[in-house]
Amino acid sequence: MPIGSGTAGSGPAGSGSVRRVVSLVPSLTEAVAATAPGLLAGVTDWCSHPAGLAVPRVGGTKNPDVDRITALAPDLVIANDEENRRPDLDALRAAGLPVWVTDIRTLDQALTSLDRLLTLGCGLARPAWLDAAEAAWAGLRPLPGPARRAVVPIWRRPWMVLGHDTFAGDLLHRLGLRLPHAEDPDRPERYPAVPLPDLLATRPDLVVLPDEPYRFTPEDGPEAFPGIPAALVSGRHLTWYGPSLAEAPAVLTRQLARALRPGAGTAP
């Protein structure tokens, strides 16, 4: 899941020097596809956007096929420090492939990183969708009223939640939510595993349930938080950094507001 500061890169730069890109990050696949789809020479099995992307698949984000990627002869492989494993990236570098690695933990870092990747790393013009994303967040109006305390599970069995220093947590903070596990000095982890009784003990005003990486649904998730409003939200808009950022403020605000609306009901 692309939750993550800035961009570290080693690879060719300059217009015309990159003609073939392999992306190991679904959100970066979408970013390249929306900017210059002809660059994509390979993507992971998890790269689902844009729909119908007809590009060779190179395995998963955690188990890419290094030999297949090498055979595709990309000018650049793009990866993420959290999404991809370092041994795989080291193996790609050892095969002589330039690898550009992003590390994203805030919205500002995401916007800067995307600009650097696309313009410096890939030699492309800055895309209009990136300007739209910046404008959308600059014009954001947080949810009305005081900040709500929200628990944000990202996995079940065991329960894991958003903690310190996460991209998704930064977005939710901008939308007007407070995450107790991001403020707890006794839990420094970015995605702590927290037993359900401890989650309930924080007495949240809201539970936010994204549909990835764990696919929470109306039937799977809300029932664990009886009496607490449950917001089922788009994981792509919460955790991806790319073209979806232009829609994310409106999409997430609408989904959160729906759960907080008087009479919307709570988890049974």
Protein backbone atom coordinates (compact mmCIF):
# COMPACT_ATOMS: atom_id res chain seq x y z
CA MET A 1 0.00 0.00 0.00
CA PRO A 2 1.68 3.48 -1.30
CA ILE A 3 1.71 5.08 2.08
CA GLY A 4 4.82 6.89 2.77
CA SER A 5 9.14 11.62 2.05
CA GLY A 6 10.48 13.00 -1.01
CA THR A 7 12.00 11.07 -3.84
CA ALA A 8 15.33 9.35 -3.98
CA GLY A 9 16.42 8.36 -7.41
CA SER A 10 19.21 6.90 -9.43
CA GLY A 11 18.52 6.86 -13.09
CA PRO A 12 18.54 8.69 -16.37
CA ALA A 13 17.01 12.10 -16.62
CA GLY A 14 16.28 14.56 -19.36
CA SER A 15 13.82 14.70 -22.19
CA GLY A 16 14.06 11.76 -24.56
CA SER A 17 16.43 9.66 -22.44
CA VAL A 18 13.69 7.43 -20.97
CA ARG A 19 11.58 5.45 -23.42
CA ARG A 20 10.77 2.31 -21.43
CA VAL A 21 9.61 2.28 -17.80
CA VAL A 22 8.72 -0.63 -15.54
CA SER A 23 6.57 0.41 -12.59
CA LEU A 24 6.43 -1.66 -9.41
CA VAL A 25 3.91 0.65 -7.69
CA PRO A 26 0.22 0.76 -8.70
CA SER A 27 -0.20 4.48 -7.99
CA LEU A 28 2.96 5.34 -9.95
CA THR A 29 1.76 3.14 -12.81
CA GLU A 30 -1.38 5.25 -12.95
CA ALA A 31 0.70 8.45 -12.78
CA VAL A 32 2.85 7.42 -15.76
CA ALA A 33 -0.12 6.04 -17.71
CA ALA A 34 -2.01 9.32 -17.28
CA THR A 35 1.01 11.32 -18.43
CA ALA A 36 2.74 9.25 -21.12
CA PRO A 37 1.23 5.75 -21.39
CA GLY A 38 3.62 4.77 -24.17
CA LEU A 39 6.47 4.73 -21.66
CA LEU A 40 5.16 1.74 -19.72
CA ALA A 41 7.00 -1.47 -20.63
CA GLY A 42 5.92 -3.49 -17.60
CA VAL A 43 3.76 -3.24 -14.47
CA THR A 44 2.83 -5.42 -11.52
CA ASP A 45 -0.11 -7.77 -11.26
CA TRP A 46 -1.65 -5.30 -8.78
CA CYS A 47 -1.58 -2.32 -11.15
CA SER A 48 -5.32 -1.92 -11.76
CA HIS A 49 -5.53 1.66 -13.05
CA PRO A 50 -6.19 2.73 -15.65
CA ALA A 51 -8.58 -0.08 -16.46
CA GLY A 52 -7.64 -2.25 -19.40
CA LEU A 53 -3.94 -1.44 -19.21
CA ALA A 54 -2.38 -3.69 -21.86
CA VAL A 55 1.19 -3.90 -20.57
CA PRO A 56 3.31 -6.98 -19.68
CA ARG A 57 2.94 -8.05 -16.05
CA VAL A 58 6.04 -8.68 -13.95
CA GLY A 59 4.68 -10.27 -10.78
CA GLY A 60 3.63 -8.71 -7.50
CA THR A 61 4.92 -5.69 -5.65
CA LYS A 62 6.54 -7.94 -3.05
CA ASN A 63 7.74 -10.65 -5.44
CA PRO A 64 8.56 -9.10 -8.83
CA ASP A 65 10.14 -11.31 -11.47
CA VAL A 66 13.60 -9.78 -11.69
CA ASP A 67 14.58 -11.82 -14.74
CA ARG A 68 11.45 -10.81 -16.63
CA ILE A 69 11.97 -7.15 -15.76
CA THR A 70 15.58 -7.34 -16.92
CA ALA A 71 14.50 -8.95 -20.18
CA LEU A 72 12.14 -6.04 -20.82
CA ALA A 73 15.24 -3.78 -20.89
CA PRO A 74 13.66 -0.73 -19.22
CA ASP A 75 15.48 2.57 -19.10
CA LEU A 76 14.06 3.10 -15.62
CA VAL A 77 12.37 1.02 -12.91
CA ILE A 78 10.22 3.00 -10.48
CA ALA A 79 9.57 1.68 -6.99
CA ASN A 80 8.57 2.71 -3.49
CA ASP A 81 10.53 2.28 -0.27
CA GLU A 82 7.52 0.85 1.55
CA GLU A 83 5.78 -1.01 -1.25
CA ASN A 84 8.78 -2.91 -2.60
CA ARG A 85 11.44 -5.05 -0.93
CA ARG A 86 15.02 -3.81 -0.86
CA PRO A 87 16.55 -7.17 -1.94
CA ASP A 88 14.48 -7.05 -5.16
CA LEU A 89 15.57 -3.48 -5.87
CA ASP A 90 19.20 -4.40 -5.15
CA ALA A 91 18.90 -7.32 -7.58
CA LEU A 92 17.56 -5.00 -10.29
CA ARG A 93 20.43 -2.59 -9.74
CA ALA A 94 22.90 -5.47 -9.83
CA ALA A 95 21.43 -6.39 -13.23
CA GLY A 96 22.39 -2.91 -14.44
CA LEU A 97 18.95 -1.30 -14.30
CA PRO A 98 18.47 2.26 -12.99
CA VAL A 99 15.96 2.24 -10.12
CA TRP A 100 14.10 5.33 -8.87
CA VAL A 101 12.66 4.91 -5.36
CA THR A 102 10.00 7.12 -3.79
CA ASP A 103 9.40 7.51 -0.04
CA ILE A 104 6.11 9.32 0.58
CA ARG A 105 4.73 10.23 3.99
CA THR A 106 2.85 13.49 3.45
CA LEU A 107 0.77 15.12 0.75
CA ASP A 108 3.40 17.81 0.16
CA GLN A 109 6.07 15.14 -0.30
CA ALA A 110 3.82 13.26 -2.71
CA LEU A 111 3.23 16.30 -4.91
CA THR A 112 6.94 17.19 -4.97
CA SER A 113 7.95 13.59 -5.55
CA LEU A 114 5.55 13.11 -8.45
CA ASP A 115 6.84 16.28 -10.12
CA ARG A 116 10.46 15.12 -9.77
CA LEU A 117 9.76 11.60 -10.96
CA LEU A 118 7.85 12.65 -14.06
CA THR A 119 9.94 15.67 -15.08
CA LEU A 120 13.43 14.81 -13.86
CA GLY A 121 13.24 11.03 -13.80
CA CYS A 122 11.22 10.46 -16.96
CA GLY A 123 11.94 13.69 -18.83
CA LEU A 124 8.26 14.57 -19.28
CA ALA A 125 6.41 17.86 -19.13
CA ARG A 126 4.60 18.48 -15.85
CA PRO A 127 1.10 17.00 -16.33
CA ALA A 128 -2.11 18.97 -15.97
CA TRP A 129 -3.53 16.38 -13.55
CA LEU A 130 -0.75 17.24 -11.07
CA ASP A 131 -1.73 20.92 -11.18
CA ALA A 132 -5.35 19.84 -10.63
CA ALA A 133 -4.35 17.75 -7.63
CA GLU A 134 -2.46 20.64 -6.04
CA ALA A 135 -5.40 22.97 -6.63
CA ALA A 136 -7.91 20.48 -5.20
CA TRP A 137 -6.03 20.14 -1.93
CA ALA A 138 -5.21 23.85 -1.72
CA GLY A 139 -8.94 24.55 -1.88
CA LEU A 140 -9.89 21.88 0.65
CA ARG A 141 -12.48 22.72 3.28
CA PRO A 142 -12.16 20.38 6.28
CA LEU A 143 -15.19 18.71 7.74
CA PRO A 144 -17.23 21.23 9.75
CA GLY A 145 -17.10 21.20 13.51
CA PRO A 146 -14.37 20.09 15.92
CA ALA A 147 -11.82 17.51 14.82
CA ARG A 148 -13.15 13.98 15.27
CA ARG A 149 -11.11 11.18 16.81
CA ALA A 150 -10.90 8.40 14.26
CA VAL A 151 -9.57 4.87 14.29
CA VAL A 152 -8.41 3.79 10.83
CA PRO A 153 -7.88 0.04 10.46
CA ILE A 154 -5.91 -1.07 7.41
CA TRP A 155 -5.92 -4.80 8.26
CA ARG A 156 -7.87 -7.38 10.19
CA ARG A 157 -6.63 -10.60 11.84
CA PRO A 158 -4.69 -9.00 13.40
CA TRP A 159 -6.16 -5.53 13.60
CA MET A 160 -3.66 -2.95 12.32
CA VAL A 161 -4.28 0.79 12.12
CA LEU A 162 -2.76 3.98 10.77
CA GLY A 163 -0.15 5.27 13.21
CA HIS A 164 2.68 7.80 13.03
CA ASP A 165 4.04 9.41 9.89
CA THR A 166 1.76 8.01 7.16
CA PHE A 167 0.58 9.53 3.90
CA ALA A 168 -3.02 8.45 4.50
CA GLY A 169 -2.90 9.85 8.02
CA ASP A 170 -1.76 13.22 6.66
CA LEU A 171 -4.70 13.30 4.25
CA LEU A 172 -7.18 12.50 7.01
CA HIS A 173 -5.67 15.13 9.29
CA ARG A 174 -6.18 17.71 6.53
CA LEU A 175 -9.79 16.57 6.26
CA GLY A 176 -10.37 17.30 9.95
CA LEU A 177 -9.73 14.00 11.72
CA ARG A 178 -7.46 13.18 14.64
CA LEU A 179 -5.87 9.73 14.77
CA PRO A 180 -5.12 8.69 18.37
CA HIS A 181 -2.56 6.12 17.26
CA ALA A 182 -0.69 8.78 15.32
CA GLU A 183 -0.48 10.88 18.49
CA ASP A 184 0.39 8.12 20.99
CA PRO A 185 4.09 8.40 22.02
CA ASP A 186 3.94 4.86 23.39
CA ARG A 187 3.16 3.51 19.92
CA PRO A 188 5.79 4.89 17.51
CA GLU A 189 4.97 2.40 14.75
CA ARG A 190 3.54 3.59 11.46
CA TYR A 191 1.05 0.68 11.30
CA PRO A 192 0.73 -0.71 14.82
CA ALA A 193 -1.09 -3.94 15.55
CA VAL A 194 -3.67 -3.06 18.20
CA PRO A 195 -6.16 -5.52 19.77
CA LEU A 196 -9.78 -4.64 19.15
CA PRO A 197 -10.55 -3.91 22.84
CA ASP A 198 -7.74 -1.33 22.83
CA LEU A 199 -9.13 0.28 19.67
CA LEU A 200 -12.55 0.57 21.28
CA ALA A 201 -10.97 1.95 24.46
CA THR A 202 -9.85 5.07 22.58
CA ARG A 203 -13.56 5.96 22.30
CA PRO A 204 -13.38 7.13 18.70
CA ASP A 205 -16.02 9.37 17.15
CA LEU A 206 -15.59 7.53 13.87
CA VAL A 207 -14.06 4.41 12.40
CA VAL A 208 -12.69 4.80 8.88
CA LEU A 209 -12.64 1.57 6.87
CA PRO A 210 -10.87 1.68 3.48
CA ASP A 211 -11.35 -1.00 0.85
CA GLU A 212 -7.59 -1.64 0.56
CA PRO A 213 -5.19 -3.10 1.48
CA TYR A 214 -7.82 -5.05 3.43
CA ARG A 215 -11.17 -4.92 1.70
CA PHE A 216 -13.56 -3.75 4.40
CA THR A 217 -17.22 -3.88 3.37
CA PRO A 218 -20.57 -3.07 5.01
CA GLU A 219 -20.68 -6.70 6.16
CA ASP A 220 -17.01 -7.00 7.19
CA GLY A 221 -15.67 -4.36 9.57
CA PRO A 222 -18.41 -2.08 10.94
CA GLU A 223 -19.87 -4.82 13.15
CA ALA A 224 -16.64 -4.81 15.20
CA PHE A 225 -17.29 -1.20 16.28
CA PRO A 226 -20.84 -1.23 17.71
CA GLY A 227 -22.43 2.16 18.19
CA ILE A 228 -19.65 4.01 16.34
CA PRO A 229 -20.26 5.68 12.94
CA ALA A 230 -18.39 3.79 10.25
CA ALA A 231 -17.13 5.46 7.06
CA LEU A 232 -16.39 3.05 4.23
CA VAL A 233 -13.91 4.93 2.02
CA SER A 234 -12.02 4.45 -1.21
CA GLY A 235 -8.58 3.05 -0.46
CA ARG A 236 -7.31 4.29 -3.81
CA HIS A 237 -8.22 7.87 -2.92
CA LEU A 238 -6.86 7.53 0.61
CA THR A 239 -3.56 5.73 -0.02
CA TRP A 240 -2.56 6.28 -3.68
CA TYR A 241 -0.52 9.24 -4.79
CA GLY A 242 -1.09 10.00 -8.45
CA PRO A 243 -4.00 11.22 -10.59
CA SER A 244 -6.49 10.07 -7.94
CA LEU A 245 -5.27 12.93 -5.74
CA ALA A 246 -7.24 15.38 -7.89
CA GLU A 247 -10.50 13.63 -6.92
CA ALA A 248 -9.53 12.55 -3.42
CA PRO A 249 -10.63 15.63 -1.42
CA ALA A 250 -14.16 15.55 -2.82
CA VAL A 251 -14.48 11.74 -2.70
CA LEU A 252 -13.17 11.35 0.85
CA THR A 253 -15.06 14.36 2.20
CA ARG A 254 -18.31 12.97 0.78
CA GLN A 255 -17.71 9.49 2.23
CA LEU A 256 -16.74 10.79 5.67
CA ALA A 257 -19.60 13.29 5.81
CA ARG A 258 -22.10 10.58 4.89
CA ALA A 259 -21.05 8.53 7.94
CA LEU A 260 -21.21 11.55 10.25
CA ARG A 261 -24.58 12.79 9.02
CA PRO A 262 -27.26 12.75 11.75
CA GLY A 263 -29.45 9.73 11.30
CA ALA A 264 -26.87 7.92 9.19
CA GLY A 265 -26.80 5.16 11.76
CA THR A 266 -23.93 3.32 13.41
CA ALA A 267 -22.43 -0.11 13.27
CA PRO A 268 -24.83 -2.62 14.78
